Amino acid sequence: MKLKLIFCFVFLLLNCEDKQTKKKTTPETAVETPVEETPKPIVKSKKEKREFPKLNSKNAMDFFLEYDKNHKENKVRITTDFGTIDILLYNDTKFHRSNFIWLTKQKYFDGTQFYRVIDNFMVQGGNSDDKKTARKRGHIGKYLLPPDTKRGYKHDRGVISMPSSDIDNPHKLASPFEFFIVQQKGGAHFLDGDYTIFGHVTKGMDVIDKIAAVETDDADWPLKNIYIRKVEIIK
């Protein structure tokens, strides 16, 4: 009789434990929902709001053609570690002028460098080995500008011109983020017809000469970085 009672007690105990175990592991009862809890609103991901479209080879020309109608600024100041350089941009090279003005307003050039320097030839700026510059370019877009070389301008000392892209580029399409300023005395006229001249230095050629005189490595990169602290529009 005692053995039978013990067996029944053990059976009931195991049966209760089994029910408790099932209750803890059942998904429906794993989380209790408060009766009066207000459901949280579903937050949908928002696309980045842009003031301007992301540029590419298909929309860039139309964009700058339209931009040119309402943005006629043509004087900029480049502030460097060696001083300031004032530049007048040419209105008849409208795509290149508008591009430079637009990038200036986007503060693209701020923090870039004069990364290629060849004494008695030219100084080239608008790029950097800083990841911030790559991110800026990624945000703005990937596009090239067509050459505009038949305006009668020559690569005289002090002109600002736009280099062609470093990609396979038989038509000399211009890299919109970069520029070079001719420092060579007497000019560098062997460049005429290949690169678009879109302005000239009105003040600060002494600064260009100082930049051109710095020591560089075998790739013409200054041994000490020369930063473009900011580019701004002036009246």
Protein backbone atom coordinates (compact mmCIF):
# COMPACT_ATOMS: atom_id res chain seq x y z
CA MET A 1 0.00 0.00 0.00
CA LYS A 2 2.79 2.43 0.92
CA LEU A 3 4.62 1.58 -2.29
CA LYS A 4 1.50 2.35 -4.32
CA LEU A 5 1.02 5.72 -2.59
CA ILE A 6 4.66 6.65 -3.21
CA PHE A 7 4.28 5.76 -6.89
CA CYS A 8 1.19 7.92 -7.24
CA PHE A 9 2.91 10.86 -5.52
CA VAL A 10 5.94 10.65 -7.82
CA PHE A 11 3.66 10.42 -10.88
CA LEU A 12 1.73 13.55 -9.88
CA LEU A 13 4.95 15.45 -9.12
CA LEU A 14 6.52 14.65 -12.48
CA ASN A 15 3.32 15.53 -14.29
CA CYS A 16 3.24 19.00 -12.62
CA GLU A 17 6.90 19.66 -13.47
CA ASP A 18 6.28 18.69 -17.06
CA LYS A 19 3.41 21.17 -17.33
CA GLN A 20 5.54 23.96 -15.83
CA THR A 21 8.37 23.22 -18.29
CA LYS A 22 6.01 23.32 -21.26
CA LYS A 23 4.60 26.66 -20.06
CA LYS A 24 8.08 28.32 -19.95
CA THR A 25 9.15 27.20 -23.42
CA THR A 26 5.92 27.77 -25.30
CA PRO A 27 6.28 30.84 -27.64
CA GLU A 28 2.79 32.07 -26.92
CA THR A 29 3.52 32.47 -23.25
CA ALA A 30 7.21 33.39 -23.40
CA VAL A 31 6.43 37.14 -23.36
CA GLU A 32 3.43 38.51 -21.59
CA THR A 33 1.78 41.49 -23.29
CA PRO A 34 0.52 44.23 -20.92
CA VAL A 35 -3.20 44.77 -21.31
CA GLU A 36 -3.03 48.58 -21.56
CA GLU A 37 0.19 48.93 -23.55
CA THR A 38 -0.06 51.33 -26.53
CA PRO A 39 1.37 49.79 -29.70
CA LYS A 40 4.54 51.56 -30.88
CA PRO A 41 4.29 53.19 -34.32
CA ILE A 42 6.21 51.56 -37.13
CA VAL A 43 9.14 53.78 -38.10
CA LYS A 44 9.81 53.60 -41.81
CA SER A 45 13.29 54.30 -43.11
CA LYS A 46 13.52 57.68 -44.80
CA LYS A 47 15.55 58.32 -47.90
CA GLU A 48 18.22 61.00 -47.64
CA LYS A 49 16.88 64.41 -48.54
CA ARG A 50 19.03 66.13 -51.17
CA GLU A 51 19.01 69.73 -52.25
CA PHE A 52 20.55 68.70 -55.57
CA PRO A 53 20.40 65.46 -57.55
CA LYS A 54 23.27 63.01 -57.51
CA LEU A 55 25.17 63.78 -60.68
CA ASN A 56 26.14 61.28 -63.35
CA SER A 57 27.15 61.26 -67.01
CA LYS A 58 23.52 61.53 -68.12
CA ASN A 59 22.28 64.48 -66.04
CA ALA A 60 25.37 66.59 -65.29
CA MET A 61 25.32 68.72 -68.44
CA ASP A 62 21.64 69.60 -68.14
CA PHE A 63 22.14 70.32 -64.45
CA PHE A 64 24.98 72.80 -65.02
CA LEU A 65 23.24 74.39 -67.99
CA GLU A 66 20.28 75.17 -65.74
CA TYR A 67 22.53 76.10 -62.80
CA ASP A 68 24.34 78.63 -64.98
CA LYS A 69 21.14 80.61 -65.50
CA ASN A 70 20.80 81.58 -61.85
CA HIS A 71 24.35 81.44 -60.52
CA LYS A 72 26.57 83.99 -62.22
CA GLU A 73 29.31 84.26 -59.60
CA ASN A 74 32.77 84.26 -61.16
CA LYS A 75 35.26 85.29 -58.48
CA VAL A 76 36.66 82.87 -55.92
CA ARG A 77 39.37 82.91 -53.27
CA ILE A 78 41.45 79.86 -52.42
CA THR A 79 42.93 79.92 -48.93
CA THR A 80 46.03 77.72 -48.55
CA ASP A 81 48.76 77.12 -46.00
CA PHE A 82 50.92 79.55 -48.00
CA GLY A 83 48.39 82.37 -48.42
CA THR A 84 45.36 83.25 -50.56
CA ILE A 85 44.83 83.04 -54.31
CA ASP A 86 42.10 85.05 -56.05
CA ILE A 87 40.74 83.74 -59.33
CA LEU A 88 38.44 85.15 -62.01
CA LEU A 89 36.39 82.45 -63.76
CA TYR A 90 35.37 82.90 -67.39
CA ASN A 91 31.66 83.18 -68.15
CA ASP A 92 31.97 81.72 -71.65
CA THR A 93 33.21 78.39 -70.29
CA LYS A 94 29.85 78.06 -68.56
CA PHE A 95 29.91 74.37 -67.68
CA HIS A 96 33.33 74.54 -66.07
CA ARG A 97 32.65 77.84 -64.30
CA SER A 98 29.29 76.61 -63.01
CA ASN A 99 30.85 73.34 -61.90
CA PHE A 100 33.56 75.14 -59.92
CA ILE A 101 31.06 77.55 -58.34
CA TRP A 102 28.73 74.70 -57.42
CA LEU A 103 31.51 72.62 -55.87
CA THR A 104 32.65 75.70 -53.97
CA LYS A 105 29.17 76.16 -52.52
CA GLN A 106 29.09 72.47 -51.61
CA LYS A 107 32.40 73.05 -49.75
CA TYR A 108 33.93 70.21 -51.71
CA PHE A 109 37.37 71.81 -52.00
CA ASP A 110 37.69 72.58 -48.29
CA GLY A 111 40.26 70.20 -46.84
CA THR A 112 41.59 68.96 -50.17
CA GLN A 113 45.21 69.46 -51.17
CA PHE A 114 47.61 70.63 -53.81
CA TYR A 115 48.65 67.04 -54.40
CA ARG A 116 50.77 67.36 -57.55
CA VAL A 117 53.44 70.04 -57.77
CA ILE A 118 56.06 70.50 -60.50
CA ASP A 119 58.26 73.57 -60.20
CA ASN A 120 58.30 75.80 -63.29
CA PHE A 121 55.29 73.97 -64.69
CA MET A 122 52.10 73.85 -62.60
CA VAL A 123 50.42 73.07 -59.29
CA GLN A 124 47.40 70.77 -59.23
CA GLY A 125 44.73 70.68 -56.53
CA GLY A 126 41.32 69.35 -55.59
CA ASN A 127 42.20 65.85 -54.43
CA SER A 128 43.43 64.23 -51.23
CA ASP A 129 44.38 60.91 -49.68
CA ASP A 130 41.82 61.61 -46.94
CA LYS A 131 38.76 59.35 -46.97
CA LYS A 132 36.54 62.41 -46.41
CA THR A 133 37.30 63.56 -49.94
CA ALA A 134 36.25 60.21 -51.38
CA ARG A 135 33.03 60.38 -49.38
CA LYS A 136 32.32 63.90 -50.68
CA ARG A 137 32.79 62.69 -54.25
CA GLY A 138 30.55 59.72 -53.61
CA HIS A 139 27.81 62.01 -52.31
CA ILE A 140 28.07 64.47 -55.23
CA GLY A 141 28.22 61.82 -57.95
CA LYS A 142 30.45 60.50 -60.71
CA TYR A 143 30.56 62.55 -63.89
CA LEU A 144 32.92 64.17 -66.40
CA LEU A 145 32.76 67.46 -68.28
CA PRO A 146 33.37 67.81 -72.03
CA PRO A 147 36.38 69.84 -73.17
CA ASP A 148 35.80 73.46 -74.12
CA THR A 149 39.08 74.43 -75.73
CA LYS A 150 38.11 76.74 -78.61
CA ARG A 151 37.57 79.99 -76.74
CA GLY A 152 40.94 81.44 -77.71
CA TYR A 153 42.55 81.04 -74.28
CA LYS A 154 46.16 79.92 -73.97
CA HIS A 155 47.92 78.15 -71.13
CA ASP A 156 49.71 81.29 -70.05
CA ARG A 157 51.26 81.64 -66.63
CA GLY A 158 48.49 82.03 -64.04
CA VAL A 159 45.57 80.40 -65.87
CA ILE A 160 43.43 77.79 -64.15
CA SER A 161 42.61 74.74 -66.26
CA MET A 162 40.87 71.41 -65.76
CA PRO A 163 42.81 68.16 -66.14
CA SER A 164 41.33 65.21 -68.00
CA SER A 165 40.18 62.18 -66.07
CA ASP A 166 42.74 59.51 -65.28
CA ILE A 167 40.49 56.82 -66.73
CA ASP A 168 40.74 55.66 -70.34
CA ASN A 169 39.67 58.92 -71.89
CA PRO A 170 40.52 59.54 -75.54
CA HIS A 171 38.23 62.59 -75.73
CA LYS A 172 40.03 64.39 -72.86
CA LEU A 173 36.85 64.68 -70.80
CA ALA A 174 37.60 66.80 -67.75
CA SER A 175 37.78 65.59 -64.17
CA PRO A 176 35.36 68.05 -62.48
CA PHE A 177 36.82 67.83 -58.97
CA GLU A 178 40.35 68.89 -59.85
CA PHE A 179 42.15 71.86 -61.36
CA PHE A 180 45.66 73.03 -62.12
CA ILE A 181 47.24 76.47 -62.26
CA VAL A 182 50.09 77.11 -64.69
CA GLN A 183 53.15 78.39 -62.85
CA GLN A 184 55.63 78.15 -65.69
CA LYS A 185 57.12 81.46 -66.78
CA GLY A 186 56.21 82.04 -70.41
CA GLY A 187 53.30 79.61 -70.07
CA ALA A 188 52.83 75.95 -70.97
CA HIS A 189 51.36 76.29 -74.45
CA PHE A 190 51.96 72.65 -75.38
CA LEU A 191 48.81 72.02 -73.31
CA ASP A 192 46.67 74.24 -75.53
CA GLY A 193 43.82 72.41 -77.20
CA ASP A 194 43.89 69.48 -74.80
CA TYR A 195 42.64 71.00 -71.54
CA THR A 196 39.92 73.53 -70.77
CA ILE A 197 41.07 76.89 -69.44
CA PHE A 198 38.26 78.43 -67.39
CA GLY A 199 39.86 81.30 -65.46
CA HIS A 200 43.04 83.02 -64.31
CA VAL A 201 44.72 84.18 -61.12
CA THR A 202 44.17 87.87 -60.40
CA LYS A 203 46.10 87.92 -57.13
CA GLY A 204 48.41 85.45 -55.42
CA MET A 205 50.85 84.21 -58.03
CA ASP A 206 53.54 84.62 -55.35
CA VAL A 207 51.64 81.97 -53.38
CA ILE A 208 51.62 79.68 -56.43
CA ASP A 209 55.40 80.13 -56.74
CA LYS A 210 55.88 79.18 -53.07
CA ILE A 211 53.77 76.05 -53.49
CA ALA A 212 55.62 75.08 -56.66
CA ALA A 213 58.97 75.32 -54.88
CA VAL A 214 58.27 72.73 -52.14
CA GLU A 215 60.02 69.40 -52.04
CA THR A 216 58.11 66.47 -53.54
CA ASP A 217 58.42 62.71 -53.84
CA ASP A 218 58.90 60.77 -57.07
CA ALA A 219 55.16 61.09 -57.81
CA ASP A 220 55.32 64.92 -57.47
CA TRP A 221 53.33 64.78 -54.22
CA PRO A 222 54.61 67.37 -51.70
CA LEU A 223 56.54 65.77 -48.84
CA LYS A 224 54.50 67.97 -46.50
CA ASN A 225 50.81 68.16 -47.34
CA ILE A 226 49.66 71.53 -48.69
CA TYR A 227 46.03 71.95 -47.72
CA ILE A 228 43.35 74.00 -49.36
CA ARG A 229 41.72 75.26 -46.19
CA LYS A 230 38.71 76.70 -47.99
CA VAL A 231 37.45 78.04 -51.29
CA GLU A 232 34.91 80.84 -51.13
CA ILE A 233 33.06 83.15 -53.49
CA ILE A 234 34.10 86.79 -53.37
CA LYS A 235 32.58 89.91 -54.91
